[in-house]
Structure formats: structure tokens, C-alpha cells
Amino acid sequence: MDTEAMKKAARRVLEEVFPVQDDAALAELVSPDFVNHEAPPGTPPGLPSVSPFMHMLGRAFSEQSWTVHHVVAEGEMVALHCTHSGRHTGPFFDLAPSGNTFSYRQIHLLRMRDGRAVEHWAVRDDASLMRQLTAAEAPAAPAAPAAPAAPAATSPGARVS
């Protein structure tokens, strides 16, 4: 497979397949022996190593998109630099939906064979994502200090102690 076709297949996963959670299209792009190095230990190879994560993101985030900034390919490897954006409208791990929008950077590295991904590694700015999902509204401005009390009225000649 030439490098342009590999780059197109890799982009398709993020730009077309993940946003709509298309398992059939994902199966065309992921080898049965696909290894997702970002998945927890014991995750089976192939579609089961990536599809559950695609659906987890789809349940947690609406208006999802991946904007691909750079794609580089050499040999069997494709690297994608992108931004994942959306709105937090469903549970995400232990976080209740916040309604917050988010946008954070990712880099994905895929090893391709026969037009399909066979291995995946990623570097994501998950700390930035979590800050955005848990950010509360800006705190209200502090109340203005109370005006000093007016001095007590005194009658002429009264003593002030």
C-alpha cells in the first residue's frame, strides 16, 4: 500500500468513523490481529480492542470531531497529529456530564498492513481534557465591602467617649 493510501485510511478512522461510531467501517480499517497498545492489559486483539473505546467516547461526548493537523507516513507507519473536540454530555469514567466543551491535542501512531491498522500507540493531553471537563463556572466577583457606618449624630456640647 502506498503512503498516500495509508494516510487516507488512518485519517478516515478519526475524521469519519469515530464521530459516528461506525463499527462496519472500523472493521474495514482494523486488522483482526490489531493491537491497541493504549488499551488495558488483557484487552483482546482486533475490533474488540478499539470499538468499545469508540463507543465509550460516543456515549460521553456529543458534537465530537477530530481535526487532523499533520499526517506523516514512512514505511508501514503513519503518524497523525490532531485535536479532539466536543461537548461532555454523558458519563465519562467517574465524571458526570458537565456540559462543558473541550478541545485537546493527540498524536496517534499506526502500523499499517494491507490497508488496515495492525498496531496503535497514542499520546494524548488527557490532563488538559480532564481540566476542561471538570472546570466549574468562573467564580462570581466578590461582593463590594459594606459602606462604613455613618457616625452617630451628636448634639452640640455632647461628650463623645
N, C-alpha and C. Protein backbone atom coordinates (compact mmCIF):
# COMPACT_ATOMS: atom_id res chain seq x y z
N MET A 1 0.85 -1.18 0.00
CA MET A 1 0.00 0.00 0.00
C MET A 1 0.89 1.23 0.00
N ASP A 2 0.58 2.19 -0.86
CA ASP A 2 1.41 3.39 -0.91
C ASP A 2 1.09 4.31 0.28
N THR A 3 2.01 5.23 0.54
CA THR A 3 1.88 6.07 1.73
C THR A 3 0.63 6.95 1.70
N GLU A 4 0.23 7.44 0.53
CA GLU A 4 -0.98 8.28 0.46
C GLU A 4 -2.23 7.49 0.83
N ALA A 5 -2.32 6.24 0.40
CA ALA A 5 -3.47 5.39 0.75
C ALA A 5 -3.45 5.08 2.26
N MET A 6 -2.28 4.86 2.83
CA MET A 6 -2.19 4.61 4.27
C MET A 6 -2.63 5.83 5.06
N LYS A 7 -2.19 7.00 4.62
CA LYS A 7 -2.57 8.24 5.30
C LYS A 7 -4.08 8.45 5.22
N LYS A 8 -4.66 8.17 4.06
CA LYS A 8 -6.11 8.33 3.89
C LYS A 8 -6.88 7.39 4.81
N ALA A 9 -6.44 6.14 4.91
CA ALA A 9 -7.10 5.16 5.78
C ALA A 9 -7.00 5.59 7.25
N ALA A 10 -5.83 6.05 7.67
CA ALA A 10 -5.64 6.48 9.05
C ALA A 10 -6.51 7.69 9.39
N ARG A 11 -6.57 8.66 8.48
CA ARG A 11 -7.42 9.85 8.70
C ARG A 11 -8.88 9.46 8.80
N ARG A 12 -9.28 8.51 7.97
CA ARG A 12 -10.69 8.11 7.92
C ARG A 12 -11.19 7.63 9.29
N VAL A 13 -10.34 6.90 10.01
CA VAL A 13 -10.74 6.41 11.33
C VAL A 13 -11.17 7.57 12.23
N LEU A 14 -10.38 8.62 12.28
CA LEU A 14 -10.68 9.74 13.17
C LEU A 14 -11.70 10.72 12.61
N GLU A 15 -11.61 11.00 11.33
CA GLU A 15 -12.48 12.03 10.76
C GLU A 15 -13.88 11.52 10.41
N GLU A 16 -13.99 10.24 10.05
CA GLU A 16 -15.28 9.72 9.58
C GLU A 16 -15.88 8.64 10.47
N VAL A 17 -15.07 7.72 10.95
CA VAL A 17 -15.58 6.53 11.64
C VAL A 17 -15.90 6.80 13.11
N PHE A 18 -14.94 7.32 13.87
CA PHE A 18 -15.17 7.55 15.30
C PHE A 18 -16.32 8.53 15.57
N PRO A 19 -16.43 9.64 14.86
CA PRO A 19 -17.51 10.58 15.19
C PRO A 19 -18.91 9.98 15.09
N VAL A 20 -19.12 9.00 14.19
CA VAL A 20 -20.45 8.40 14.02
C VAL A 20 -20.52 6.98 14.56
N GLN A 21 -19.43 6.51 15.20
CA GLN A 21 -19.36 5.18 15.81
C GLN A 21 -19.75 4.08 14.82
N ASP A 22 -19.10 4.08 13.67
CA ASP A 22 -19.42 3.14 12.59
C ASP A 22 -18.57 1.87 12.70
N ASP A 23 -19.13 0.84 13.35
CA ASP A 23 -18.40 -0.42 13.55
C ASP A 23 -18.06 -1.11 12.23
N ALA A 24 -18.96 -1.05 11.26
CA ALA A 24 -18.71 -1.72 9.97
C ALA A 24 -17.50 -1.08 9.27
N ALA A 25 -17.46 0.23 9.25
CA ALA A 25 -16.33 0.92 8.62
C ALA A 25 -15.04 0.68 9.41
N LEU A 26 -15.15 0.66 10.74
CA LEU A 26 -13.97 0.41 11.57
C LEU A 26 -13.41 -0.99 11.28
N ALA A 27 -14.29 -1.97 11.08
CA ALA A 27 -13.85 -3.34 10.78
C ALA A 27 -13.09 -3.41 9.46
N GLU A 28 -13.38 -2.52 8.52
CA GLU A 28 -12.66 -2.47 7.25
C GLU A 28 -11.25 -1.90 7.42
N LEU A 29 -11.06 -1.11 8.49
CA LEU A 29 -9.80 -0.39 8.66
C LEU A 29 -8.89 -0.98 9.73
N VAL A 30 -9.40 -1.95 10.49
CA VAL A 30 -8.64 -2.55 11.58
C VAL A 30 -8.47 -4.04 11.30
N SER A 31 -7.25 -4.51 11.37
CA SER A 31 -6.94 -5.91 11.14
C SER A 31 -7.51 -6.78 12.27
N PRO A 32 -7.86 -8.03 11.96
CA PRO A 32 -8.32 -8.93 13.03
C PRO A 32 -7.28 -9.14 14.14
N ASP A 33 -5.99 -8.94 13.81
CA ASP A 33 -4.96 -9.09 14.84
C ASP A 33 -4.45 -7.73 15.36
N PHE A 34 -5.25 -6.69 15.17
CA PHE A 34 -4.93 -5.33 15.62
C PHE A 34 -4.61 -5.33 17.11
N VAL A 35 -3.53 -4.64 17.48
CA VAL A 35 -3.15 -4.48 18.89
C VAL A 35 -3.21 -3.00 19.23
N ASN A 36 -4.05 -2.67 20.19
CA ASN A 36 -4.16 -1.29 20.68
C ASN A 36 -3.30 -1.20 21.93
N HIS A 37 -2.12 -0.62 21.80
CA HIS A 37 -1.19 -0.53 22.92
C HIS A 37 -1.68 0.43 24.00
N GLU A 38 -2.75 1.17 23.76
CA GLU A 38 -3.33 2.08 24.74
C GLU A 38 -4.42 1.41 25.57
N ALA A 39 -4.86 0.22 25.17
CA ALA A 39 -5.93 -0.49 25.88
C ALA A 39 -5.38 -1.15 27.14
N PRO A 40 -6.24 -1.39 28.12
CA PRO A 40 -5.79 -2.06 29.35
C PRO A 40 -5.27 -3.47 29.07
N PRO A 41 -4.39 -3.97 29.93
CA PRO A 41 -3.89 -5.34 29.78
C PRO A 41 -5.06 -6.32 29.71
N GLY A 42 -4.91 -7.32 28.86
CA GLY A 42 -5.94 -8.33 28.72
C GLY A 42 -6.99 -8.01 27.69
N THR A 43 -6.92 -6.83 27.08
CA THR A 43 -7.88 -6.48 26.03
C THR A 43 -7.61 -7.36 24.82
N PRO A 44 -8.65 -7.99 24.26
CA PRO A 44 -8.41 -8.88 23.11
C PRO A 44 -7.99 -8.09 21.87
N PRO A 45 -7.33 -8.74 20.93
CA PRO A 45 -6.92 -8.06 19.70
C PRO A 45 -8.10 -7.85 18.76
N GLY A 46 -7.83 -7.13 17.69
CA GLY A 46 -8.84 -6.90 16.66
C GLY A 46 -9.82 -5.81 17.05
N LEU A 47 -10.99 -5.86 16.45
CA LEU A 47 -12.03 -4.86 16.69
C LEU A 47 -12.35 -4.68 18.17
N PRO A 48 -12.38 -5.74 18.99
CA PRO A 48 -12.68 -5.55 20.42
C PRO A 48 -11.66 -4.70 21.17
N SER A 49 -10.50 -4.45 20.58
CA SER A 49 -9.51 -3.62 21.27
C SER A 49 -9.68 -2.14 20.96
N VAL A 50 -10.62 -1.80 20.07
CA VAL A 50 -10.81 -0.38 19.75
C VAL A 50 -12.29 0.03 19.75
N SER A 51 -13.17 -0.83 19.30
CA SER A 51 -14.59 -0.48 19.21
C SER A 51 -15.21 -0.06 20.55
N PRO A 52 -14.95 -0.76 21.66
CA PRO A 52 -15.53 -0.32 22.93
C PRO A 52 -15.13 1.11 23.32
N PHE A 53 -13.90 1.50 22.98
CA PHE A 53 -13.43 2.85 23.30
C PHE A 53 -14.11 3.88 22.42
N MET A 54 -14.33 3.54 21.15
CA MET A 54 -15.06 4.43 20.24
C MET A 54 -16.46 4.69 20.79
N HIS A 55 -17.13 3.63 21.26
CA HIS A 55 -18.49 3.78 21.79
C HIS A 55 -18.51 4.48 23.14
N MET A 56 -17.50 4.26 23.96
CA MET A 56 -17.41 4.97 25.23
C MET A 56 -17.31 6.47 24.99
N LEU A 57 -16.46 6.86 24.04
CA LEU A 57 -16.34 8.28 23.70
C LEU A 57 -17.65 8.82 23.14
N GLY A 58 -18.32 8.01 22.31
CA GLY A 58 -19.59 8.44 21.72
C GLY A 58 -20.67 8.64 22.77
N ARG A 59 -20.69 7.82 23.82
CA ARG A 59 -21.67 7.98 24.90
C ARG A 59 -21.36 9.20 25.76
N ALA A 60 -20.08 9.49 25.94
CA ALA A 60 -19.68 10.57 26.83
C ALA A 60 -19.70 11.94 26.17
N PHE A 61 -19.43 11.98 24.87
CA PHE A 61 -19.21 13.26 24.20
C PHE A 61 -20.10 13.40 22.97
N SER A 62 -20.83 14.48 22.90
CA SER A 62 -21.58 14.80 21.69
C SER A 62 -20.79 15.82 20.89
N GLU A 63 -21.22 16.05 19.67
CA GLU A 63 -20.57 17.05 18.79
C GLU A 63 -19.08 16.76 18.63
N GLN A 64 -18.70 15.47 18.65
CA GLN A 64 -17.29 15.09 18.55
C GLN A 64 -16.72 15.33 17.17
N SER A 65 -15.49 15.76 17.15
CA SER A 65 -14.75 15.81 15.89
C SER A 65 -13.26 15.69 16.19
N TRP A 66 -12.55 15.20 15.22
CA TRP A 66 -11.09 15.15 15.26
C TRP A 66 -10.60 15.97 14.08
N THR A 67 -9.87 17.03 14.37
CA THR A 67 -9.28 17.86 13.33
C THR A 67 -7.83 17.42 13.16
N VAL A 68 -7.52 16.90 11.99
CA VAL A 68 -6.17 16.40 11.73
C VAL A 68 -5.32 17.55 11.22
N HIS A 69 -4.23 17.82 11.92
CA HIS A 69 -3.32 18.92 11.57
C HIS A 69 -2.16 18.45 10.69
N HIS A 70 -1.63 17.27 11.01
CA HIS A 70 -0.49 16.74 10.26
C HIS A 70 -0.62 15.23 10.14
N VAL A 71 -0.20 14.71 9.00
CA VAL A 71 -0.13 13.27 8.78
C VAL A 71 1.22 12.99 8.11
N VAL A 72 1.97 12.08 8.70
CA VAL A 72 3.27 11.71 8.16
C VAL A 72 3.30 10.19 8.03
N ALA A 73 3.79 9.71 6.90
CA ALA A 73 3.87 8.26 6.69
C ALA A 73 5.25 7.90 6.17
N GLU A 74 5.75 6.77 6.68
CA GLU A 74 7.03 6.22 6.22
C GLU A 74 6.99 4.73 6.46
N GLY A 75 7.34 3.96 5.45
CA GLY A 75 7.30 2.51 5.58
C GLY A 75 5.88 2.06 5.90
N GLU A 76 5.73 1.30 7.00
CA GLU A 76 4.41 0.83 7.43
C GLU A 76 3.75 1.75 8.45
N MET A 77 4.42 2.84 8.82
CA MET A 77 3.96 3.69 9.92
C MET A 77 3.28 4.97 9.43
N VAL A 78 2.20 5.34 10.14
CA VAL A 78 1.50 6.61 9.89
C VAL A 78 1.36 7.32 11.23
N ALA A 79 1.73 8.59 11.27
CA ALA A 79 1.57 9.42 12.46
C ALA A 79 0.56 10.51 12.17
N LEU A 80 -0.39 10.70 13.10
CA LEU A 80 -1.40 11.75 12.96
C LEU A 80 -1.31 12.68 14.17
N HIS A 81 -1.27 13.96 13.92
CA HIS A 81 -1.34 14.97 14.97
C HIS A 81 -2.71 15.62 14.82
N CYS A 82 -3.52 15.60 15.88
CA CYS A 82 -4.90 16.07 15.74
C CYS A 82 -5.40 16.72 17.02
N THR A 83 -6.58 17.30 16.93
CA THR A 83 -7.29 17.86 18.07
C THR A 83 -8.65 17.19 18.15
N HIS A 84 -8.96 16.66 19.32
CA HIS A 84 -10.27 16.05 19.59
C HIS A 84 -11.10 17.09 20.32
N SER A 85 -12.31 17.37 19.80
CA SER A 85 -13.19 18.39 20.37
C SER A 85 -14.59 17.83 20.52
N GLY A 86 -15.36 18.43 21.41
CA GLY A 86 -16.75 18.04 21.57
C GLY A 86 -17.35 18.67 22.81
N ARG A 87 -18.46 18.06 23.27
CA ARG A 87 -19.16 18.52 24.47
C ARG A 87 -19.39 17.32 25.37
N HIS A 88 -19.16 17.49 26.66
CA HIS A 88 -19.29 16.42 27.65
C HIS A 88 -20.76 16.30 28.07
N THR A 89 -21.49 15.36 27.45
CA THR A 89 -22.92 15.23 27.69
C THR A 89 -23.32 13.87 28.26
N GLY A 90 -22.37 13.00 28.53
CA GLY A 90 -22.65 11.69 29.12
C GLY A 90 -21.57 11.32 30.10
N PRO A 91 -21.79 10.26 30.88
CA PRO A 91 -20.77 9.84 31.84
C PRO A 91 -19.45 9.50 31.16
N PHE A 92 -18.36 9.90 31.79
CA PHE A 92 -17.01 9.60 31.28
C PHE A 92 -16.21 9.12 32.48
N PHE A 93 -15.95 7.82 32.53
CA PHE A 93 -15.34 7.19 33.70
C PHE A 93 -16.17 7.59 34.92
N ASP A 94 -15.59 8.25 35.91
CA ASP A 94 -16.35 8.62 37.12
C ASP A 94 -16.96 10.02 37.04
N LEU A 95 -16.85 10.67 35.90
CA LEU A 95 -17.34 12.05 35.79
C LEU A 95 -18.76 12.10 35.25
N ALA A 96 -19.64 12.76 35.98
CA ALA A 96 -20.99 13.01 35.50
C ALA A 96 -20.90 14.04 34.37
N PRO A 97 -21.87 14.05 33.46
CA PRO A 97 -21.84 15.03 32.37
C PRO A 97 -21.78 16.46 32.90
N SER A 98 -20.88 17.24 32.37
CA SER A 98 -20.71 18.63 32.81
C SER A 98 -21.33 19.62 31.83
N GLY A 99 -21.54 19.19 30.57
CA GLY A 99 -22.00 20.12 29.55
C GLY A 99 -20.87 20.97 28.98
N ASN A 100 -19.67 20.82 29.54
CA ASN A 100 -18.53 21.62 29.09
C ASN A 100 -18.07 21.21 27.70
N THR A 101 -17.63 22.17 26.93
CA THR A 101 -16.96 21.87 25.68
C THR A 101 -15.49 21.59 25.98
N PHE A 102 -14.84 20.89 25.08
CA PHE A 102 -13.42 20.57 25.28
C PHE A 102 -12.73 20.53 23.93
N SER A 103 -11.42 20.67 23.98
CA SER A 103 -10.57 20.59 22.81
C SER A 103 -9.15 20.32 23.31
N TYR A 104 -8.59 19.18 22.91
CA TYR A 104 -7.26 18.84 23.39
C TYR A 104 -6.51 18.08 22.29
N ARG A 105 -5.18 18.11 22.38
CA ARG A 105 -4.32 17.56 21.34
C ARG A 105 -4.03 16.08 21.56
N GLN A 106 -3.81 15.39 20.44
CA GLN A 106 -3.45 13.97 20.45
C GLN A 106 -2.44 13.70 19.33
N ILE A 107 -1.66 12.65 19.52
CA ILE A 107 -0.83 12.11 18.44
C ILE A 107 -1.09 10.60 18.41
N HIS A 108 -1.39 10.09 17.25
CA HIS A 108 -1.62 8.65 17.07
C HIS A 108 -0.58 8.11 16.10
N LEU A 109 -0.07 6.94 16.41
CA LEU A 109 0.90 6.26 15.56
C LEU A 109 0.30 4.90 15.22
N LEU A 110 0.16 4.62 13.94
CA LEU A 110 -0.42 3.38 13.46
C LEU A 110 0.56 2.63 12.58
N ARG A 111 0.64 1.33 12.79
CA ARG A 111 1.37 0.48 11.85
C ARG A 111 0.33 -0.15 10.96
N MET A 112 0.50 0.01 9.65
CA MET A 112 -0.47 -0.45 8.66
C MET A 112 0.06 -1.66 7.90
N ARG A 113 -0.87 -2.53 7.52
CA ARG A 113 -0.52 -3.67 6.68
C ARG A 113 -1.75 -4.00 5.84
N ASP A 114 -1.57 -4.10 4.52
CA ASP A 114 -2.66 -4.44 3.60
C ASP A 114 -3.87 -3.52 3.76
N GLY A 115 -3.61 -2.24 3.99
CA GLY A 115 -4.69 -1.25 4.06
C GLY A 115 -5.40 -1.17 5.40
N ARG A 116 -4.91 -1.92 6.38
CA ARG A 116 -5.55 -1.92 7.70
C ARG A 116 -4.53 -1.64 8.79
N ALA A 117 -5.00 -1.04 9.87
CA ALA A 117 -4.14 -0.81 11.02
C ALA A 117 -3.92 -2.13 11.75
N VAL A 118 -2.67 -2.41 12.11
CA VAL A 118 -2.35 -3.62 12.88
C VAL A 118 -1.83 -3.30 14.28
N GLU A 119 -1.37 -2.05 14.49
CA GLU A 119 -0.94 -1.62 15.82
C GLU A 119 -1.24 -0.14 15.98
N HIS A 120 -1.48 0.25 17.25
CA HIS A 120 -1.79 1.64 17.56
C HIS A 120 -1.13 2.05 18.87
N TRP A 121 -0.52 3.23 18.86
CA TRP A 121 0.00 3.89 20.05
C TRP A 121 -0.54 5.31 20.04
N ALA A 122 -0.64 5.94 21.20
CA ALA A 122 -1.14 7.32 21.23
C ALA A 122 -0.49 8.09 22.37
N VAL A 123 -0.40 9.38 22.16
CA VAL A 123 -0.02 10.33 23.21
C VAL A 123 -1.13 11.38 23.19
N ARG A 124 -1.83 11.50 24.31
CA ARG A 124 -2.95 12.44 24.41
C ARG A 124 -2.70 13.38 25.59
N ASP A 125 -3.19 14.57 25.48
CA ASP A 125 -3.09 15.52 26.59
C ASP A 125 -4.32 15.32 27.49
N ASP A 126 -4.38 14.16 28.15
CA ASP A 126 -5.53 13.82 28.99
C ASP A 126 -5.68 14.78 30.17
N ALA A 127 -4.58 15.33 30.67
CA ALA A 127 -4.68 16.29 31.78
C ALA A 127 -5.47 17.52 31.34
N SER A 128 -5.22 17.99 30.12
CA SER A 128 -5.97 19.14 29.60
C SER A 128 -7.45 18.78 29.45
N LEU A 129 -7.73 17.58 28.93
CA LEU A 129 -9.12 17.15 28.79
C LEU A 129 -9.81 17.16 30.15
N MET A 130 -9.20 16.56 31.16
CA MET A 130 -9.83 16.48 32.47
C MET A 130 -10.03 17.86 33.10
N ARG A 131 -9.08 18.76 32.91
CA ARG A 131 -9.26 20.13 33.42
C ARG A 131 -10.48 20.77 32.79
N GLN A 132 -10.65 20.56 31.48
CA GLN A 132 -11.78 21.17 30.78
C GLN A 132 -13.11 20.53 31.19
N LEU A 133 -13.12 19.23 31.41
CA LEU A 133 -14.37 18.55 31.79
C LEU A 133 -14.80 18.90 33.21
N THR A 134 -13.84 19.17 34.09
CA THR A 134 -14.17 19.43 35.49
C THR A 134 -14.19 20.91 35.84
N ALA A 135 -13.92 21.77 34.88
CA ALA A 135 -13.90 23.21 35.17
C ALA A 135 -15.31 23.67 35.51
N ALA A 136 -15.40 24.42 36.60
CA ALA A 136 -16.68 25.00 37.02
C ALA A 136 -16.81 26.38 36.39
N GLU A 137 -17.99 26.93 36.50
CA GLU A 137 -18.19 28.30 36.04
C GLU A 137 -17.20 29.19 36.78
N ALA A 138 -16.85 30.30 36.15
CA ALA A 138 -15.95 31.25 36.80
C ALA A 138 -16.61 31.74 38.09
N PRO A 139 -15.86 31.85 39.17
CA PRO A 139 -16.47 32.30 40.43
C PRO A 139 -17.02 33.71 40.28
N ALA A 140 -18.10 33.95 40.99
CA ALA A 140 -18.70 35.29 40.96
C ALA A 140 -17.74 36.28 41.59
N ALA A 141 -17.83 37.51 41.15
CA ALA A 141 -16.98 38.55 41.72
C ALA A 141 -17.34 38.73 43.19
N PRO A 142 -16.37 38.98 44.05
CA PRO A 142 -16.68 39.15 45.46
C PRO A 142 -17.59 40.36 45.65
N ALA A 143 -18.43 40.27 46.66
CA ALA A 143 -19.35 41.38 46.94
C ALA A 143 -18.54 42.60 47.37
N ALA A 144 -19.06 43.77 47.04
CA ALA A 144 -18.39 45.01 47.44
C ALA A 144 -18.43 45.12 48.96
N PRO A 145 -17.37 45.62 49.56
CA PRO A 145 -17.40 45.75 51.02
C PRO A 145 -18.53 46.70 51.43
N ALA A 146 -19.08 46.44 52.60
CA ALA A 146 -20.16 47.29 53.11
C ALA A 146 -19.61 48.68 53.37
N ALA A 147 -20.46 49.66 53.13
CA ALA A 147 -20.05 51.06 53.41
C ALA A 147 -19.89 51.24 54.91
N PRO A 148 -18.92 52.04 55.34
CA PRO A 148 -18.74 52.25 56.77
C PRO A 148 -20.00 52.90 57.35
N ALA A 149 -20.29 52.56 58.59
CA ALA A 149 -21.46 53.14 59.25
C ALA A 149 -21.25 54.63 59.43
N ALA A 150 -22.33 55.34 59.28
CA ALA A 150 -22.25 56.80 59.47
C ALA A 150 -22.03 57.07 60.95
N PRO A 151 -21.25 58.10 61.26
CA PRO A 151 -21.02 58.41 62.67
C PRO A 151 -22.36 58.79 63.33
N ALA A 152 -22.47 58.44 64.59
CA ALA A 152 -23.70 58.76 65.32
C ALA A 152 -23.82 60.27 65.43
N ALA A 153 -25.04 60.71 65.31
CA ALA A 153 -25.27 62.15 65.44
C ALA A 153 -25.12 62.54 66.90
N THR A 154 -24.50 63.64 67.09
CA THR A 154 -24.33 64.13 68.46
C THR A 154 -24.92 65.51 68.56
N SER A 155 -25.41 65.82 69.69
CA SER A 155 -25.93 67.17 69.86
C SER A 155 -24.79 68.07 70.29
N PRO A 156 -24.93 69.33 70.01
CA PRO A 156 -23.86 70.25 70.39
C PRO A 156 -23.57 70.15 71.88
N GLY A 157 -22.35 70.06 72.19
CA GLY A 157 -21.91 70.04 73.57
C GLY A 157 -21.93 68.64 74.17
N ALA A 158 -22.38 67.63 73.40
CA ALA A 158 -22.41 66.28 73.96
C ALA A 158 -21.00 65.73 74.00
N ARG A 159 -20.77 64.89 74.96
CA ARG A 159 -19.45 64.30 75.11
C ARG A 159 -19.39 63.01 74.29
N VAL A 160 -18.29 62.83 73.68
CA VAL A 160 -18.06 61.61 72.92
C VAL A 160 -17.05 60.79 73.71
N SER A 161 -17.39 59.59 74.06
CA SER A 161 -16.44 58.80 74.81
C SER A 161 -15.75 57.80 73.93
